[in-house]
Amino acid sequence: MKRWLAVLLVILGFAALPAAAAPDWTKVASKTATGAYVIGNPKAKVRLVEYLSYTCPHCAAFSVESSATLKDKFVKSGSISIEVRNAVRDRVDLAAAQLARCAGPAGFSGATDAIFAKQQEWLPRAFDYDQINAARLAGYPVGAQLKKIATGGGLDALMRTRGMTDAAIDACFADEAGIAAIAKLSDTSWKEVRSTPSFMLNGKPYEYKGWPDLEKALRAAGAH
């Protein structure tokens, strides 16, 4: 009986449609009212806030070590969202932050991962450039200073490999309001944390002891 019913439904055009593919939440991102970026399902059960600095080696280590599970599994499944808040430590950091944010909500996460993955290459070059040219750079507007530091370190070249054009890079560092927004967000971050990386898990401060420990806490909270 069930077989004949199924056949009849097919004939009449009522055959069941295949289930829709689950969304890839790593491709979903938005900006909060304070300027932070939220990556993943905005209604996720687990909410992680990450305070980061692009010149922080521990932040880079966390990014590289955690990405395969944190983003490619937990965020992708929709079980967790990550809100990224900048905690800028220096103007090299500010240059990197401005470039990452100029990638827009959709490109921010990938740009952040790329900057951290190549940190050991661009960071010493950027610091050297900044130190050697500090007196000369002081005479430039802030955006022009950051652009030259980014060029000196090779950050602009890194962003070009991700599809950012020269015109987009120029517009990025000409965006004084965007740079000021990062500074404001950073000031707030440093009132909330004392070091980077720092985290909040579901609205409560989390004492970071390394990725393995954080992974266990996230799984216990419902990440999968």
Protein backbone atom coordinates (compact mmCIF):
# COMPACT_ATOMS: atom_id res chain seq x y z
CA MET A 1 0.00 0.00 0.00
CA LYS A 2 2.74 2.46 0.97
CA ARG A 3 4.64 1.64 -2.22
CA TRP A 4 1.62 2.34 -4.41
CA LEU A 5 0.96 5.56 -2.51
CA ALA A 6 4.51 6.70 -3.13
CA VAL A 7 4.18 5.92 -6.83
CA LEU A 8 0.91 7.83 -6.98
CA LEU A 9 2.46 10.87 -5.30
CA VAL A 10 5.30 10.86 -7.82
CA ILE A 11 2.80 10.66 -10.70
CA LEU A 12 0.78 13.54 -9.30
CA GLY A 13 3.89 15.65 -8.75
CA PHE A 14 3.88 15.48 -4.98
CA ALA A 15 7.14 13.62 -4.55
CA ALA A 16 9.16 14.82 -1.55
CA LEU A 17 11.82 17.35 -2.41
CA PRO A 18 15.39 16.73 -1.27
CA ALA A 19 16.27 18.38 2.02
CA ALA A 20 17.92 21.78 1.70
CA ALA A 21 21.64 21.83 2.37
CA ALA A 22 22.64 23.11 5.79
CA PRO A 23 24.03 26.67 5.64
CA ASP A 24 27.77 27.24 6.00
CA TRP A 25 27.78 29.70 8.88
CA THR A 26 31.45 30.61 8.33
CA LYS A 27 30.22 32.68 5.39
CA VAL A 28 27.83 34.70 7.54
CA ALA A 29 29.10 37.81 9.31
CA SER A 30 27.77 41.12 10.58
CA LYS A 31 28.98 44.25 12.33
CA THR A 32 27.71 45.20 15.79
CA ALA A 33 26.72 48.69 16.86
CA THR A 34 30.10 49.03 18.60
CA GLY A 35 32.02 48.05 15.45
CA ALA A 36 32.96 44.49 16.36
CA TYR A 37 32.47 41.71 13.82
CA VAL A 38 30.28 38.67 14.59
CA ILE A 39 31.12 35.57 12.57
CA GLY A 40 28.62 32.72 12.33
CA ASN A 41 25.05 32.02 13.35
CA PRO A 42 23.71 35.07 15.22
CA LYS A 43 21.34 32.74 17.11
CA ALA A 44 24.03 30.21 18.07
CA LYS A 45 23.73 28.56 21.46
CA VAL A 46 27.38 29.25 22.25
CA ARG A 47 28.68 32.82 22.01
CA LEU A 48 32.42 33.43 22.16
CA VAL A 49 33.91 36.93 22.31
CA GLU A 50 37.57 37.16 21.29
CA TYR A 51 39.77 40.17 22.04
CA LEU A 52 42.71 40.14 19.66
CA SER A 53 45.75 42.06 18.50
CA TYR A 54 47.34 41.44 15.11
CA THR A 55 50.84 42.03 16.51
CA CYS A 56 50.30 39.55 19.35
CA PRO A 57 52.17 36.25 18.74
CA HIS A 58 49.87 34.38 21.14
CA CYS A 59 46.87 35.55 19.11
CA ALA A 60 48.50 34.24 15.94
CA ALA A 61 49.24 30.90 17.61
CA PHE A 62 45.64 30.65 18.78
CA SER A 63 44.32 31.46 15.30
CA VAL A 64 46.44 28.82 13.60
CA GLU A 65 45.88 26.14 16.25
CA SER A 66 42.14 26.60 16.67
CA SER A 67 40.92 27.34 13.16
CA ALA A 68 40.35 23.77 11.92
CA THR A 69 37.97 23.04 14.79
CA LEU A 70 36.70 26.42 15.95
CA LYS A 71 35.77 27.86 12.58
CA ASP A 72 35.69 24.90 10.21
CA LYS A 73 33.54 22.81 12.57
CA PHE A 74 31.96 24.75 15.42
CA VAL A 75 31.17 27.97 13.55
CA LYS A 76 30.35 26.15 10.32
CA SER A 77 27.76 23.97 12.07
CA GLY A 78 25.97 27.01 13.47
CA SER A 79 26.49 25.91 17.07
CA ILE A 80 28.78 28.83 17.92
CA SER A 81 29.33 32.44 16.91
CA ILE A 82 32.52 34.47 17.45
CA GLU A 83 32.48 38.20 18.11
CA VAL A 84 35.89 39.70 17.35
CA ARG A 85 36.88 42.84 19.23
CA ASN A 86 40.12 44.64 18.44
CA ALA A 87 42.51 45.44 21.27
CA VAL A 88 45.12 47.47 19.40
CA ARG A 89 48.62 47.61 20.90
CA ASP A 90 50.52 49.81 18.41
CA ARG A 91 50.15 51.47 15.02
CA VAL A 92 51.45 48.41 13.16
CA ASP A 93 48.55 46.58 14.76
CA LEU A 94 46.21 49.41 13.74
CA ALA A 95 47.37 49.17 10.11
CA ALA A 96 46.64 45.43 10.05
CA ALA A 97 43.28 45.93 11.77
CA GLN A 98 42.20 48.55 9.26
CA LEU A 99 43.07 46.30 6.32
CA ALA A 100 41.25 43.32 7.81
CA ARG A 101 38.14 45.35 8.50
CA CYS A 102 38.21 46.90 5.03
CA ALA A 103 37.64 43.39 3.69
CA GLY A 104 34.08 43.86 4.93
CA PRO A 105 31.98 41.48 7.04
CA ALA A 106 32.16 38.67 4.46
CA GLY A 107 35.94 38.89 4.05
CA PHE A 108 36.96 39.84 7.59
CA SER A 109 37.41 36.33 9.00
CA GLY A 110 39.50 35.14 6.06
CA ALA A 111 41.62 38.29 6.11
CA THR A 112 42.23 37.87 9.84
CA ASP A 113 43.30 34.25 9.37
CA ALA A 114 45.66 35.25 6.54
CA ILE A 115 47.25 38.05 8.56
CA PHE A 116 47.89 35.74 11.50
CA ALA A 117 49.12 32.89 9.29
CA LYS A 118 51.81 35.16 7.81
CA GLN A 119 52.56 37.15 10.98
CA GLN A 120 56.17 35.97 11.27
CA GLU A 121 56.84 37.30 7.76
CA TRP A 122 55.24 40.74 7.76
CA LEU A 123 55.47 41.71 11.45
CA PRO A 124 59.27 42.14 11.81
CA ARG A 125 59.41 44.02 8.51
CA ALA A 126 56.59 46.35 9.57
CA PHE A 127 58.15 47.05 12.97
CA ASP A 128 61.54 47.74 11.36
CA TYR A 129 59.99 50.08 8.83
CA ASP A 130 58.05 51.92 11.53
CA GLN A 131 61.11 52.33 13.74
CA ILE A 132 63.47 53.46 10.97
CA ASN A 133 60.98 55.92 9.50
CA ALA A 134 59.28 57.12 12.69
CA ALA A 135 60.43 60.75 12.39
CA ARG A 136 59.41 61.03 8.74
CA LEU A 137 56.07 59.33 9.27
CA ALA A 138 55.17 61.77 12.04
CA GLY A 139 54.54 64.43 9.42
CA TYR A 140 51.89 62.40 7.59
CA PRO A 141 48.17 62.08 8.40
CA VAL A 142 47.34 58.93 10.37
CA GLY A 143 45.89 57.09 7.38
CA ALA A 144 48.98 57.79 5.28
CA GLN A 145 51.21 56.60 8.14
CA LEU A 146 49.31 53.33 8.36
CA LYS A 147 49.41 52.79 4.61
CA LYS A 148 53.18 53.24 4.50
CA ILE A 149 53.64 50.87 7.43
CA ALA A 150 51.42 48.31 5.72
CA THR A 151 53.45 48.64 2.54
CA GLY A 152 56.73 48.46 4.42
CA GLY A 153 55.67 45.23 6.07
CA GLY A 154 54.05 43.68 3.01
CA LEU A 155 50.54 43.67 4.44
CA ASP A 156 49.16 45.38 1.34
CA ALA A 157 50.67 42.68 -0.87
CA LEU A 158 49.10 40.02 1.35
CA MET A 159 45.68 41.61 0.94
CA ARG A 160 46.14 41.79 -2.83
CA THR A 161 46.49 38.02 -2.88
CA ARG A 162 43.00 37.96 -1.34
CA GLY A 163 41.56 40.13 -4.10
CA MET A 164 41.85 43.61 -2.58
CA THR A 165 42.69 46.10 -5.32
CA ASP A 166 45.06 49.05 -5.12
CA ALA A 167 42.06 51.39 -5.25
CA ALA A 168 40.42 49.52 -2.36
CA ILE A 169 43.63 49.72 -0.30
CA ASP A 170 43.90 53.47 -0.98
CA ALA A 171 40.27 53.97 0.04
CA CYS A 172 40.81 51.83 3.13
CA PHE A 173 43.56 54.01 4.56
CA ALA A 174 41.75 57.19 3.54
CA ASP A 175 38.82 56.14 5.74
CA GLU A 176 39.51 58.28 8.80
CA ALA A 177 36.15 57.39 10.35
CA GLY A 178 36.97 53.69 10.08
CA ILE A 179 40.35 54.18 11.74
CA ALA A 180 38.76 56.21 14.53
CA ALA A 181 36.14 53.49 15.03
CA ILE A 182 38.87 50.90 15.61
CA ALA A 183 40.56 53.18 18.15
CA LYS A 184 37.26 53.62 19.99
CA LEU A 185 36.53 49.89 19.98
CA SER A 186 40.07 49.22 21.19
CA ASP A 187 39.78 51.69 24.05
CA THR A 188 36.66 49.88 25.23
CA SER A 189 38.37 46.50 24.87
CA TRP A 190 41.32 47.51 27.05
CA LYS A 191 38.91 48.55 29.78
CA GLU A 192 37.54 45.00 29.73
CA VAL A 193 40.72 42.91 29.37
CA ARG A 194 44.39 43.13 30.32
CA SER A 195 46.00 40.96 27.65
CA THR A 196 45.44 39.30 24.30
CA PRO A 197 44.04 36.93 23.40
CA SER A 198 41.25 37.19 25.94
CA PHE A 199 37.78 35.70 25.78
CA MET A 200 34.25 35.81 27.09
CA LEU A 201 32.11 32.68 26.89
CA ASN A 202 28.36 33.17 26.90
CA GLY A 203 28.70 36.57 28.52
CA LYS A 204 31.19 35.58 31.22
CA PRO A 205 34.97 36.17 31.31
CA TYR A 206 36.90 33.02 30.45
CA GLU A 207 40.42 32.46 31.80
CA TYR A 208 42.37 31.37 28.73
CA LYS A 209 44.77 28.48 29.34
CA GLY A 210 45.33 27.43 25.75
CA TRP A 211 43.21 26.13 22.90
CA PRO A 212 42.78 22.54 24.19
CA ASP A 213 41.24 23.85 27.41
CA LEU A 214 39.01 26.30 25.57
CA GLU A 215 37.90 23.59 23.13
CA LYS A 216 36.72 21.46 26.07
CA ALA A 217 34.81 24.42 27.51
CA LEU A 218 33.14 25.13 24.18
CA ARG A 219 32.11 21.51 23.72
CA ALA A 220 30.74 21.43 27.25
CA ALA A 221 28.69 24.53 26.44
CA GLY A 222 27.19 22.86 23.35
CA ALA A 223 29.59 23.51 20.45
CA HIS A 224 29.86 20.67 17.95
